[in-house]
C-alpha atoms as a PDB file:
ATOM      1  CA  MET A   1       8.901 -29.247 -36.423  1.00  0.00           C
ATOM      2  CA  SER A   2       8.394 -28.812 -32.723  1.00  0.00           C
ATOM      3  CA  VAL A   3       5.402 -27.137 -30.916  1.00  0.00           C
ATOM      4  CA  LYS A   4       6.482 -24.421 -28.586  1.00  0.00           C
ATOM      5  CA  THR A   5       5.122 -25.157 -24.943  1.00  0.00           C
ATOM      6  CA  LEU A   6       4.515 -23.286 -21.896  1.00  0.00           C
ATOM      7  CA  VAL A   7       5.125 -24.682 -18.191  1.00  0.00           C
ATOM      8  CA  CYS A   8       2.227 -24.181 -15.735  1.00  0.00           C
ATOM      9  CA  PRO A   9       3.631 -22.671 -12.371  1.00  0.00           C
ATOM     10  CA  HIS A  10       0.914 -24.368 -10.346  1.00  0.00           C
ATOM     11  CA  CYS A  11       0.951 -27.942 -11.557  1.00  0.00           C
ATOM     12  CA  HIS A  12       4.249 -27.849 -13.796  1.00  0.00           C
ATOM     13  CA  THR A  13       2.390 -29.555 -16.832  1.00  0.00           C
ATOM     14  CA  GLN A  14       3.660 -28.550 -20.344  1.00  0.00           C
ATOM     15  CA  VAL A  15       0.897 -26.700 -22.183  1.00  0.00           C
ATOM     16  CA  PRO A  16       0.911 -25.768 -25.959  1.00  0.00           C
ATOM     17  CA  GLU A  17       1.523 -22.017 -26.519  1.00  0.00           C
ATOM     18  CA  GLN A  18      -1.776 -21.415 -28.337  1.00  0.00           C
ATOM     19  CA  ALA A  19      -3.904 -22.936 -25.285  1.00  0.00           C
ATOM     20  CA  ASN A  20      -6.110 -20.934 -23.243  1.00  0.00           C
ATOM     21  CA  VAL A  21      -6.417 -23.267 -20.420  1.00  0.00           C
ATOM     22  CA  CYS A  22      -3.841 -25.536 -18.513  1.00  0.00           C
ATOM     23  CA  THR A  23      -4.528 -29.067 -19.383  1.00  0.00           C
ATOM     24  CA  GLY A  24      -3.169 -30.318 -16.028  1.00  0.00           C
ATOM     25  CA  CYS A  25      -5.150 -27.820 -13.441  1.00  0.00           C
ATOM     26  CA  GLU A  26      -7.342 -25.941 -15.682  1.00  0.00           C
ATOM     27  CA  ALA A  27      -5.532 -22.660 -14.840  1.00  0.00           C
ATOM     28  CA  GLU A  28      -6.552 -19.870 -17.251  1.00  0.00           C
ATOM     29  CA  ILE A  29      -3.871 -18.523 -19.317  1.00  0.00           C
ATOM     30  CA  ALA A  30      -3.861 -14.606 -20.122  1.00  0.00           C
ATOM     31  CA  ARG A  31      -1.523 -13.019 -22.418  1.00  0.00           C
ATOM     32  CA  GLY A  32      -0.393  -9.227 -22.505  1.00  0.00           C
ATOM     33  CA  LEU A  33      -0.415  -6.645 -19.880  1.00  0.00           C
ATOM     34  CA  THR A  34      -3.109  -6.730 -17.156  1.00  0.00           C
ATOM     35  CA  ARG A  35      -6.134  -4.294 -17.217  1.00  0.00           C
ATOM     36  CA  ARG A  36      -4.379  -2.066 -14.867  1.00  0.00           C
ATOM     37  CA  GLY A  37      -1.101  -1.971 -17.022  1.00  0.00           C
ATOM     38  CA  ARG A  38      -3.017  -1.170 -20.197  1.00  0.00           C
ATOM     39  CA  SER A  39      -4.963   1.608 -18.446  1.00  0.00           C
ATOM     40  CA  PHE A  40      -1.620   3.167 -17.046  1.00  0.00           C
ATOM     41  CA  VAL A  41      -0.130   3.187 -20.627  1.00  0.00           C
ATOM     42  CA  GLY A  42      -3.528   4.742 -21.915  1.00  0.00           C
ATOM     43  CA  LEU A  43      -3.262   7.389 -19.175  1.00  0.00           C
ATOM     44  CA  ILE A  44       0.329   8.063 -20.221  1.00  0.00           C
ATOM     45  CA  PHE A  45      -1.031   8.825 -23.827  1.00  0.00           C
ATOM     46  CA  VAL A  46      -3.523  10.984 -22.393  1.00  0.00           C
ATOM     47  CA  GLY A  47      -1.018  13.089 -20.695  1.00  0.00           C
ATOM     48  CA  LEU A  48       1.326  13.143 -23.815  1.00  0.00           C
ATOM     49  CA  ALA A  49      -1.876  14.286 -25.867  1.00  0.00           C
ATOM     50  CA  ILE A  50      -2.581  17.148 -23.635  1.00  0.00           C
ATOM     51  CA  LEU A  51       1.290  18.224 -23.488  1.00  0.00           C
ATOM     52  CA  VAL A  52       1.496  18.139 -27.282  1.00  0.00           C
ATOM     53  CA  ALA A  53      -1.776  20.129 -27.759  1.00  0.00           C
ATOM     54  CA  GLY A  54      -0.350  22.784 -25.060  1.00  0.00           C
ATOM     55  CA  VAL A  55       3.016  22.853 -26.716  1.00  0.00           C
ATOM     56  CA  VAL A  56       1.390  23.359 -30.317  1.00  0.00           C
ATOM     57  CA  LEU A  57      -0.974  26.045 -28.964  1.00  0.00           C
ATOM     58  CA  ARG A  58       2.039  27.868 -27.591  1.00  0.00           C
ATOM     59  CA  ILE A  59       3.939  27.568 -30.682  1.00  0.00           C
ATOM     60  CA  VAL A  60       1.012  29.020 -32.658  1.00  0.00           C
ATOM     61  CA  GLU A  61       0.699  31.742 -30.042  1.00  0.00           C
ATOM     62  CA  ILE A  62       4.214  32.736 -30.401  1.00  0.00           C
ATOM     63  CA  LYS A  63       4.418  32.759 -34.152  1.00  0.00           C
ATOM     64  CA  HIS A  64       1.303  34.944 -34.550  1.00  0.00           C
ATOM     65  CA  GLY A  65       2.090  37.112 -31.610  1.00  0.00           C
ATOM     66  CA  GLY A  66      -1.284  36.644 -30.010  1.00  0.00           C
ATOM     67  CA  PRO A  67      -3.542  33.942 -28.689  1.00  0.00           C
ATOM     68  CA  PRO A  68      -4.192  31.119 -31.325  1.00  0.00           C
ATOM     69  CA  LEU A  69      -7.924  30.994 -30.381  1.00  0.00           C
ATOM     70  CA  PRO A  70     -10.414  33.740 -29.862  1.00  0.00           C
ATOM     71  CA  GLN A  71     -11.734  34.294 -26.588  1.00  0.00           C
ATOM     72  CA  PRO A  72     -14.324  31.541 -25.726  1.00  0.00           C
ATOM     73  CA  LYS A  73     -17.961  32.478 -25.507  1.00  0.00           C
ATOM     74  CA  ALA A  74     -20.628  30.643 -23.517  1.00  0.00           C
ATOM     75  CA  GLN A  75     -22.126  29.263 -26.598  1.00  0.00           C
ATOM     76  CA  ASP A  76     -18.757  27.656 -27.641  1.00  0.00           C
ATOM     77  CA  ALA A  77     -18.798  25.147 -24.630  1.00  0.00           C
ATOM     78  CA  ILE A  78     -20.905  23.034 -26.719  1.00  0.00           C
ATOM     79  CA  PHE A  79     -17.978  22.603 -29.170  1.00  0.00           C
ATOM     80  CA  VAL A  80     -15.161  22.686 -26.721  1.00  0.00           C
ATOM     81  CA  PHE A  81     -16.112  20.036 -24.338  1.00  0.00           C
ATOM     82  CA  PRO A  82     -16.822  17.451 -26.799  1.00  0.00           C
ATOM     83  CA  LEU A  83     -13.671  18.131 -28.342  1.00  0.00           C
ATOM     84  CA  VAL A  84     -11.666  17.791 -25.070  1.00  0.00           C
ATOM     85  CA  ILE A  85     -13.337  14.797 -24.580  1.00  0.00           C
ATOM     86  CA  ALA A  86     -12.653  13.220 -27.773  1.00  0.00           C
ATOM     87  CA  VAL A  87      -9.000  14.006 -27.418  1.00  0.00           C
ATOM     88  CA  VAL A  88      -8.985  12.177 -23.913  1.00  0.00           C
ATOM     89  CA  VAL A  89     -10.802   9.408 -25.066  1.00  0.00           C
ATOM     90  CA  VAL A  90      -9.064   8.720 -28.398  1.00  0.00           C
ATOM     91  CA  SER A  91      -5.623   9.141 -26.833  1.00  0.00           C
ATOM     92  CA  TYR A  92      -6.791   6.556 -24.096  1.00  0.00           C
ATOM     93  CA  LEU A  93      -7.904   4.123 -26.693  1.00  0.00           C
ATOM     94  CA  ILE A  94      -4.703   4.369 -28.848  1.00  0.00           C
ATOM     95  CA  GLY A  95      -2.709   3.941 -25.439  1.00  0.00           C
ATOM     96  CA  THR A  96      -4.382   0.704 -24.712  1.00  0.00           C
ATOM     97  CA  LYS A  97      -4.071  -0.581 -28.198  1.00  0.00           C
ATOM     98  CA  VAL A  98      -0.393   0.334 -28.301  1.00  0.00           C
ATOM     99  CA  ALA A  99       0.060  -1.625 -24.860  1.00  0.00           C
ATOM    100  CA  ARG A 100      -1.360  -4.613 -26.351  1.00  0.00           C
ATOM    101  CA  LEU A 101       1.053  -4.507 -29.183  1.00  0.00           C
ATOM    102  CA  ILE A 102       4.161  -3.818 -27.215  1.00  0.00           C
ATOM    103  CA  PHE A 103       3.664  -6.278 -24.442  1.00  0.00           C
ATOM    104  CA  PRO A 104       1.950  -9.275 -26.228  1.00  0.00           C
ATOM    105  CA  SER A 105       4.399 -11.976 -25.058  1.00  0.00           C
ATOM    106  CA  ARG A 106       3.600 -11.777 -21.248  1.00  0.00           C
ATOM    107  CA  VAL A 107       1.822 -14.734 -20.208  1.00  0.00           C
ATOM    108  CA  ARG A 108      -0.060 -15.306 -16.887  1.00  0.00           C
ATOM    109  CA  PHE A 109      -1.757 -18.282 -15.273  1.00  0.00           C
ATOM    110  CA  PHE A 110      -4.825 -17.663 -13.193  1.00  0.00           C
ATOM    111  CA  ARG A 111      -6.133 -20.472 -11.017  1.00  0.00           C
ATOM    112  CA  SER A 112      -9.269 -20.308  -9.032  1.00  0.00           C
ATOM    113  CA  TYR A 113      -9.271 -22.339  -5.733  1.00  0.00           C
ATOM    114  CA  GLN A 114     -12.491 -23.596  -4.606  1.00  0.00           C
ATOM    115  CA  HIS A 115     -13.050 -24.390  -0.905  1.00  0.00           C
ATOM    116  CA  GLN A 116     -14.947 -27.813  -0.233  1.00  0.00           C
END
């Protein structure tokens, strides 16, 4: 049985796949997408959630021949804003979790250089 290894791009040392730090140069090993990449996927999910909500509301409007929701009143804002925020936050969180599942195999080595 052989152990899978990675090769550090900084010092070319072979490192076990489960390691979090290179044994040669102590570079940090990170897996998956970067934070920016996960955020981008999360924002795509937010856009898709808003698009799906708009399409569903339009389908209901066409089916019933009128607006799917009654005209909003000022006192309804206390319910509408949290609902919109919940849709955005939940879809963003789902998107970032999906990004972690889709791209788990990306490996990056981070090495901090200290000036002396």
